[in-house]
Amino acid sequence: MLHVAGYQGHTSILTEGLTSLIACLQKEGWGSEIAWTPNVTDHFEKATDLFVSIENGSRHIGYMASGYLSARVPELEVLELPFTIANRESALHALDNRAGDILVKAVRQKTGFHVLGFWDNGFRHISNSVHPIQQPRDAVGLKIRTLDSALYRETLDAVGFQALTSDVKDLVSWIKQNIVQAQENPLTNYMGFELWKYHPYVSLTHHFYGVLLVVCPLTWYDSLNPREREMLAQAVSTSTALQRQLAATQDATNLVRMQEKGIQVLPQSSLDMGAFHKCVEATNLLARSRLSTELFKAYFNG
């Protein structure tokens, strides 16, 4: 039995990506039944439980935001440098080439995961329940939810927020309970989790470009025969092309939906981006100093 799982709802582009991957495996004649759990949080699990289950081999294929793993694989911080990616196509091209090879090797060396591919988790923006955020001083006094990445927290703290981490399972409840007044996510998550019901203010900061790792257990992958690896590679390639297309087109679609709902959306042209950049300059430089020159050049010049 092949166990595939994710941690988002049925309408998520990540769920669509895994659905495509499964369909491709079935079409290619994968030799066992496939058990499919689109959203483990519907079954009283956290996203982190999914990651543990994949690494220990009780599940076989899933995805995870790179930030969840960067504490164990510092090379992944190249994907978390704030305000450094302006073009998603160039970033993904680098990940499909030398930069991706370096990161796959680093993950294999330091964890029990094998990275099958890189998905588009979108540019991340800030929403909140209090007031429009146009400059860093507007963030002061607000608690913001983010994922479990030290560099994410350091960046948001440097801007002026008080950054707190929760599992994605607790995102909506934290907002409902006013544990946090702000959060940061790609627009697909802002709409998918219906955060617009609580956060009428959105600033299109593009502060991070998120990358998802499509992962499987390292020992399981190494046990596959050549034909199984070929089928898996084809399925990942097909699903990756679809997922990336959906991620790019959904940004524009979601902006239209947000305007229809009366969300106050501030584009970058309305934000003091120079002030935001200045706030995170030291954080950015320190993180860059931890990266190898080879990896940095491969990702940003690849």
Protein backbone atom coordinates (compact mmCIF):
# COMPACT_ATOMS: atom_id res chain seq x y z
CA MET A 1 0.00 0.00 0.00
CA LEU A 2 1.32 3.43 -1.01
CA HIS A 3 0.27 6.12 1.50
CA VAL A 4 -0.01 9.70 0.18
CA ALA A 5 -1.10 12.63 2.36
CA GLY A 6 -1.24 16.42 2.59
CA TYR A 7 -2.34 19.02 5.11
CA GLN A 8 -4.69 21.32 3.20
CA GLY A 9 -8.33 21.19 2.10
CA HIS A 10 -9.91 19.65 -0.97
CA THR A 11 -9.86 22.90 -2.98
CA SER A 12 -6.17 23.62 -2.31
CA ILE A 13 -3.75 23.69 -5.23
CA LEU A 14 -1.52 21.43 -3.14
CA THR A 15 -4.30 18.87 -2.91
CA GLU A 16 -4.79 19.18 -6.67
CA GLY A 17 -1.08 18.60 -7.14
CA LEU A 18 -1.09 15.37 -5.14
CA THR A 19 -4.30 14.25 -6.85
CA SER A 20 -2.53 14.66 -10.18
CA LEU A 21 0.50 12.76 -8.91
CA ILE A 22 -1.67 9.84 -7.81
CA ALA A 23 -3.58 9.78 -11.10
CA CYS A 24 -0.31 9.67 -13.00
CA LEU A 25 1.01 6.78 -10.90
CA GLN A 26 -2.21 4.84 -11.45
CA LYS A 27 -2.07 5.50 -15.19
CA GLU A 28 1.54 4.31 -15.29
CA GLY A 29 0.52 1.09 -13.51
CA TRP A 30 1.92 1.56 -10.02
CA GLY A 31 2.05 -1.91 -8.50
CA SER A 32 0.11 -1.37 -5.28
CA GLU A 33 -3.06 0.27 -4.00
CA ILE A 34 -2.82 3.95 -3.08
CA ALA A 35 -4.28 5.29 0.17
CA TRP A 36 -4.98 9.03 -0.14
CA THR A 37 -5.50 11.44 2.76
CA PRO A 38 -5.85 14.99 1.38
CA ASN A 39 -5.83 16.75 4.76
CA VAL A 40 -4.44 15.08 7.87
CA THR A 41 -5.71 17.95 10.03
CA ASP A 42 -9.25 16.68 9.34
CA HIS A 43 -8.22 13.53 11.21
CA PHE A 44 -6.96 15.13 14.43
CA GLU A 45 -3.35 15.29 13.23
CA LYS A 46 -1.09 18.28 12.84
CA ALA A 47 0.97 19.07 9.77
CA THR A 48 4.05 18.17 11.80
CA ASP A 49 2.57 14.72 12.41
CA LEU A 50 2.47 14.25 8.65
CA PHE A 51 6.16 15.11 8.35
CA VAL A 52 7.09 12.66 11.09
CA SER A 53 5.04 9.90 9.48
CA ILE A 54 6.78 10.38 6.13
CA GLU A 55 10.25 10.45 7.62
CA ASN A 56 9.62 7.27 9.62
CA GLY A 57 8.17 5.50 6.59
CA SER A 58 4.56 5.00 7.71
CA ARG A 59 3.53 7.35 4.89
CA HIS A 60 5.29 7.63 1.55
CA ILE A 61 4.58 10.88 -0.30
CA GLY A 62 3.61 14.35 0.88
CA TYR A 63 4.69 17.97 0.85
CA MET A 64 6.09 20.41 3.37
CA ALA A 65 7.01 24.09 3.36
CA SER A 66 10.79 24.34 3.31
CA GLY A 67 10.79 26.45 6.48
CA TYR A 68 9.68 23.49 8.56
CA LEU A 69 12.99 21.77 7.79
CA SER A 70 15.52 24.61 7.69
CA ALA A 71 16.53 24.20 11.36
CA ARG A 72 17.86 20.75 10.45
CA VAL A 73 19.04 21.64 6.95
CA PRO A 74 20.50 25.17 7.11
CA GLU A 75 21.04 25.18 3.34
CA LEU A 76 17.27 25.59 2.97
CA GLU A 77 17.59 29.11 4.38
CA VAL A 78 18.53 30.16 0.85
CA LEU A 79 14.78 29.85 0.17
CA GLU A 80 13.88 32.05 3.15
CA LEU A 81 15.93 35.20 2.58
CA PRO A 82 13.49 38.11 2.83
CA PHE A 83 12.75 40.40 -0.11
CA THR A 84 15.14 38.60 -2.47
CA ILE A 85 12.91 36.93 -5.08
CA ALA A 86 11.02 39.07 -7.56
CA ASN A 87 10.43 36.47 -10.26
CA ARG A 88 9.06 33.02 -9.43
CA GLU A 89 10.06 31.59 -12.81
CA SER A 90 13.77 32.25 -12.27
CA ALA A 91 13.64 30.76 -8.75
CA LEU A 92 11.91 27.61 -9.97
CA HIS A 93 14.33 27.30 -12.89
CA ALA A 94 17.23 27.36 -10.43
CA LEU A 95 15.55 24.70 -8.30
CA ASP A 96 15.12 22.50 -11.36
CA ASN A 97 18.86 22.71 -11.92
CA ARG A 98 22.01 23.10 -9.78
CA ALA A 99 20.43 24.80 -6.76
CA GLY A 100 17.89 22.01 -6.49
CA ASP A 101 20.61 19.36 -6.76
CA ILE A 102 22.51 20.94 -3.87
CA LEU A 103 19.38 21.12 -1.68
CA VAL A 104 18.31 17.54 -2.46
CA LYS A 105 21.76 16.33 -1.43
CA ALA A 106 21.74 18.40 1.77
CA VAL A 107 18.31 17.06 2.80
CA ARG A 108 19.43 13.48 2.14
CA GLN A 109 22.56 13.95 4.24
CA LYS A 110 20.83 15.52 7.24
CA THR A 111 17.36 13.96 7.44
CA GLY A 112 15.40 10.83 6.61
CA PHE A 113 13.69 12.57 3.67
CA HIS A 114 14.31 12.39 -0.05
CA VAL A 115 13.13 15.45 -2.02
CA LEU A 116 11.25 14.44 -5.16
CA GLY A 117 10.55 17.96 -6.40
CA PHE A 118 9.92 21.61 -5.63
CA TRP A 119 6.46 23.17 -5.72
CA ASP A 120 5.39 26.81 -5.82
CA ASN A 121 4.07 27.98 -2.44
CA GLY A 122 3.58 31.53 -3.65
CA PHE A 123 4.70 34.96 -2.55
CA ARG A 124 3.80 35.56 1.06
CA HIS A 125 1.91 38.65 2.16
CA ILE A 126 0.61 40.10 5.43
CA SER A 127 -3.00 40.33 6.54
CA ASN A 128 -4.36 41.70 9.79
CA SER A 129 -7.51 42.64 11.68
CA VAL A 130 -6.52 46.08 12.99
CA HIS A 131 -5.48 48.59 10.35
CA PRO A 132 -3.69 48.95 7.00
CA ILE A 133 0.04 48.18 7.19
CA GLN A 134 1.97 50.49 4.89
CA GLN A 135 5.26 50.79 6.76
CA PRO A 136 7.10 49.00 9.56
CA ARG A 137 5.80 51.22 12.34
CA ASP A 138 2.28 49.98 11.53
CA ALA A 139 3.40 46.50 12.63
CA VAL A 140 4.47 47.55 16.12
CA GLY A 141 2.30 46.02 18.84
CA LEU A 142 0.80 43.35 16.58
CA LYS A 143 1.35 39.64 17.11
CA ILE A 144 1.72 37.74 13.85
CA ARG A 145 1.41 34.03 13.19
CA THR A 146 4.00 32.38 11.00
CA LEU A 147 5.28 28.87 10.36
CA ASP A 148 8.06 27.23 12.34
CA SER A 149 11.10 28.87 10.77
CA ALA A 150 13.65 30.80 12.81
CA LEU A 151 14.45 33.05 9.85
CA TYR A 152 10.77 33.80 9.25
CA ARG A 153 10.38 34.80 12.91
CA GLU A 154 13.57 36.89 12.92
CA THR A 155 12.47 38.71 9.77
CA LEU A 156 9.01 39.54 11.07
CA ASP A 157 10.38 40.60 14.47
CA ALA A 158 12.82 42.91 12.68
CA VAL A 159 9.93 44.53 10.83
CA GLY A 160 8.24 45.28 14.17
CA PHE A 161 5.81 42.42 14.73
CA GLN A 162 5.93 39.92 17.55
CA ALA A 163 6.21 36.67 15.60
CA LEU A 164 4.62 33.51 16.98
CA THR A 165 4.61 30.01 15.53
CA SER A 166 1.68 27.62 15.30
CA ASP A 167 0.89 24.52 13.32
CA VAL A 168 -1.30 25.24 10.30
CA LYS A 169 -4.03 23.23 12.06
CA ASP A 170 -4.32 26.05 14.63
CA LEU A 171 -4.07 28.99 12.23
CA VAL A 172 -7.76 29.87 12.03
CA SER A 173 -8.47 29.27 15.72
CA TRP A 174 -5.58 31.55 16.71
CA ILE A 175 -7.04 34.31 14.55
CA LYS A 176 -10.58 33.78 15.84
CA GLN A 177 -9.34 33.94 19.45
CA ASN A 178 -7.23 37.05 18.74
CA ILE A 179 -4.10 35.25 19.93
CA VAL A 180 -2.57 36.96 16.92
CA GLN A 181 -3.80 40.04 15.09
CA ALA A 182 -1.84 39.37 11.90
CA GLN A 183 -0.63 36.45 9.80
CA GLU A 184 1.48 35.94 6.70
CA ASN A 185 0.73 33.50 3.88
CA PRO A 186 0.33 33.30 0.11
CA LEU A 187 -3.01 34.56 -1.19
CA THR A 188 -4.16 31.02 -1.96
CA ASN A 189 -4.03 30.24 1.78
CA TYR A 190 -5.57 33.58 2.77
CA MET A 191 -8.58 32.72 0.62
CA GLY A 192 -8.52 28.94 1.14
CA PHE A 193 -8.65 29.25 4.94
CA GLU A 194 -11.23 32.06 4.61
CA LEU A 195 -9.04 34.44 6.57
CA TRP A 196 -10.76 37.33 4.80
CA LYS A 197 -13.64 36.87 7.24
CA TYR A 198 -11.37 38.09 10.06
CA HIS A 199 -8.63 40.07 8.33
CA PRO A 200 -9.94 42.86 6.06
CA TYR A 201 -6.49 44.42 5.55
CA VAL A 202 -3.89 42.87 3.23
CA SER A 203 -0.46 44.28 2.35
CA LEU A 204 1.15 42.72 -0.73
CA THR A 205 4.66 42.76 0.73
CA HIS A 206 6.09 39.78 -1.20
CA HIS A 207 8.42 39.40 1.79
CA PHE A 208 9.12 35.71 1.11
CA TYR A 209 8.74 33.49 -1.92
CA GLY A 210 7.63 30.16 -0.51
CA VAL A 211 8.87 26.82 -1.80
CA LEU A 212 7.32 23.45 -0.99
CA LEU A 213 9.32 20.25 -0.88
CA VAL A 214 7.61 17.15 -2.26
CA VAL A 215 9.13 14.47 -0.04
CA CYS A 216 9.23 10.74 0.61
CA PRO A 217 11.14 8.51 3.07
CA LEU A 218 14.79 8.23 2.09
CA THR A 219 15.03 4.49 2.84
CA TRP A 220 11.81 3.80 0.90
CA TYR A 221 13.04 5.73 -2.13
CA ASP A 222 16.36 3.92 -2.11
CA SER A 223 14.51 0.58 -2.04
CA LEU A 224 12.56 1.28 -5.25
CA ASN A 225 13.51 -0.54 -8.42
CA PRO A 226 14.43 1.43 -11.58
CA ARG A 227 10.95 1.12 -13.10
CA GLU A 228 9.28 2.40 -9.91
CA ARG A 229 11.65 5.36 -9.76
CA GLU A 230 10.89 6.12 -13.40
CA MET A 231 7.13 6.07 -12.77
CA LEU A 232 7.54 8.22 -9.67
CA ALA A 233 9.72 10.76 -11.51
CA GLN A 234 7.15 11.04 -14.30
CA ALA A 235 4.31 11.49 -11.84
CA VAL A 236 6.21 14.18 -9.94
CA SER A 237 7.09 15.98 -13.18
CA THR A 238 3.48 16.00 -14.38
CA SER A 239 2.02 17.09 -11.04
CA THR A 240 4.70 19.75 -10.57
CA ALA A 241 3.88 21.38 -13.90
CA LEU A 242 0.20 21.51 -12.95
CA GLN A 243 0.78 22.75 -9.41
CA ARG A 244 3.09 25.55 -10.54
CA GLN A 245 0.62 26.67 -13.20
CA LEU A 246 -2.19 26.76 -10.65
CA ALA A 247 -0.06 28.72 -8.19
CA ALA A 248 0.75 31.42 -10.73
CA THR A 249 -2.77 31.82 -12.13
CA GLN A 250 -4.47 31.71 -8.74
CA ASP A 251 -2.67 34.84 -7.54
CA ALA A 252 -4.49 36.95 -10.13
CA THR A 253 -7.79 35.15 -9.55
CA ASN A 254 -7.60 35.63 -5.80
CA LEU A 255 -6.91 39.35 -6.12
CA VAL A 256 -10.13 39.73 -8.09
CA ARG A 257 -12.06 37.71 -5.50
CA MET A 258 -10.61 39.80 -2.68
CA GLN A 259 -11.66 43.04 -4.36
CA GLU A 260 -15.17 41.65 -4.83
CA LYS A 261 -15.34 40.93 -1.10
CA GLY A 262 -14.27 44.46 -0.22
CA ILE A 263 -10.87 43.53 1.20
CA GLN A 264 -8.57 46.54 1.50
CA VAL A 265 -5.55 45.44 -0.53
CA LEU A 266 -2.41 47.56 -0.56
CA PRO A 267 -0.08 46.87 -3.52
CA GLN A 268 3.68 47.29 -3.21
CA SER A 269 3.41 50.73 -4.81
CA SER A 270 1.44 51.86 -1.75
CA LEU A 271 3.95 50.45 0.74
CA ASP A 272 7.19 51.93 2.04
CA MET A 273 9.23 49.04 0.68
CA GLY A 274 12.51 50.85 1.33
CA ALA A 275 11.73 50.97 5.04
CA PHE A 276 10.78 47.27 5.09
CA HIS A 277 14.03 46.36 3.34
CA LYS A 278 16.07 48.45 5.75
CA CYS A 279 14.51 46.76 8.78
CA VAL A 280 15.60 43.29 7.65
CA GLU A 281 18.98 44.23 6.18
CA ALA A 282 21.03 42.88 9.11
CA THR A 283 18.93 39.71 9.36
CA ASN A 284 19.35 39.12 5.64
CA LEU A 285 23.12 39.63 5.66
CA LEU A 286 23.62 37.32 8.62
CA ALA A 287 21.58 34.57 6.97
CA ARG A 288 23.50 34.98 3.70
CA SER A 289 26.79 34.60 5.56
CA ARG A 290 25.70 31.09 6.62
CA LEU A 291 25.22 29.93 3.02
CA SER A 292 27.88 28.57 0.70
CA THR A 293 28.84 30.78 -2.25
CA GLU A 294 28.06 27.90 -4.60
CA LEU A 295 24.49 27.55 -3.36
CA PHE A 296 23.83 31.28 -3.27
CA LYS A 297 25.02 31.74 -6.86
CA ALA A 298 23.16 28.66 -8.06
CA TYR A 299 19.86 29.93 -6.66
CA PHE A 300 20.12 33.62 -7.46
CA ASN A 301 22.15 33.47 -10.66
CA GLY A 302 21.17 30.03 -11.91
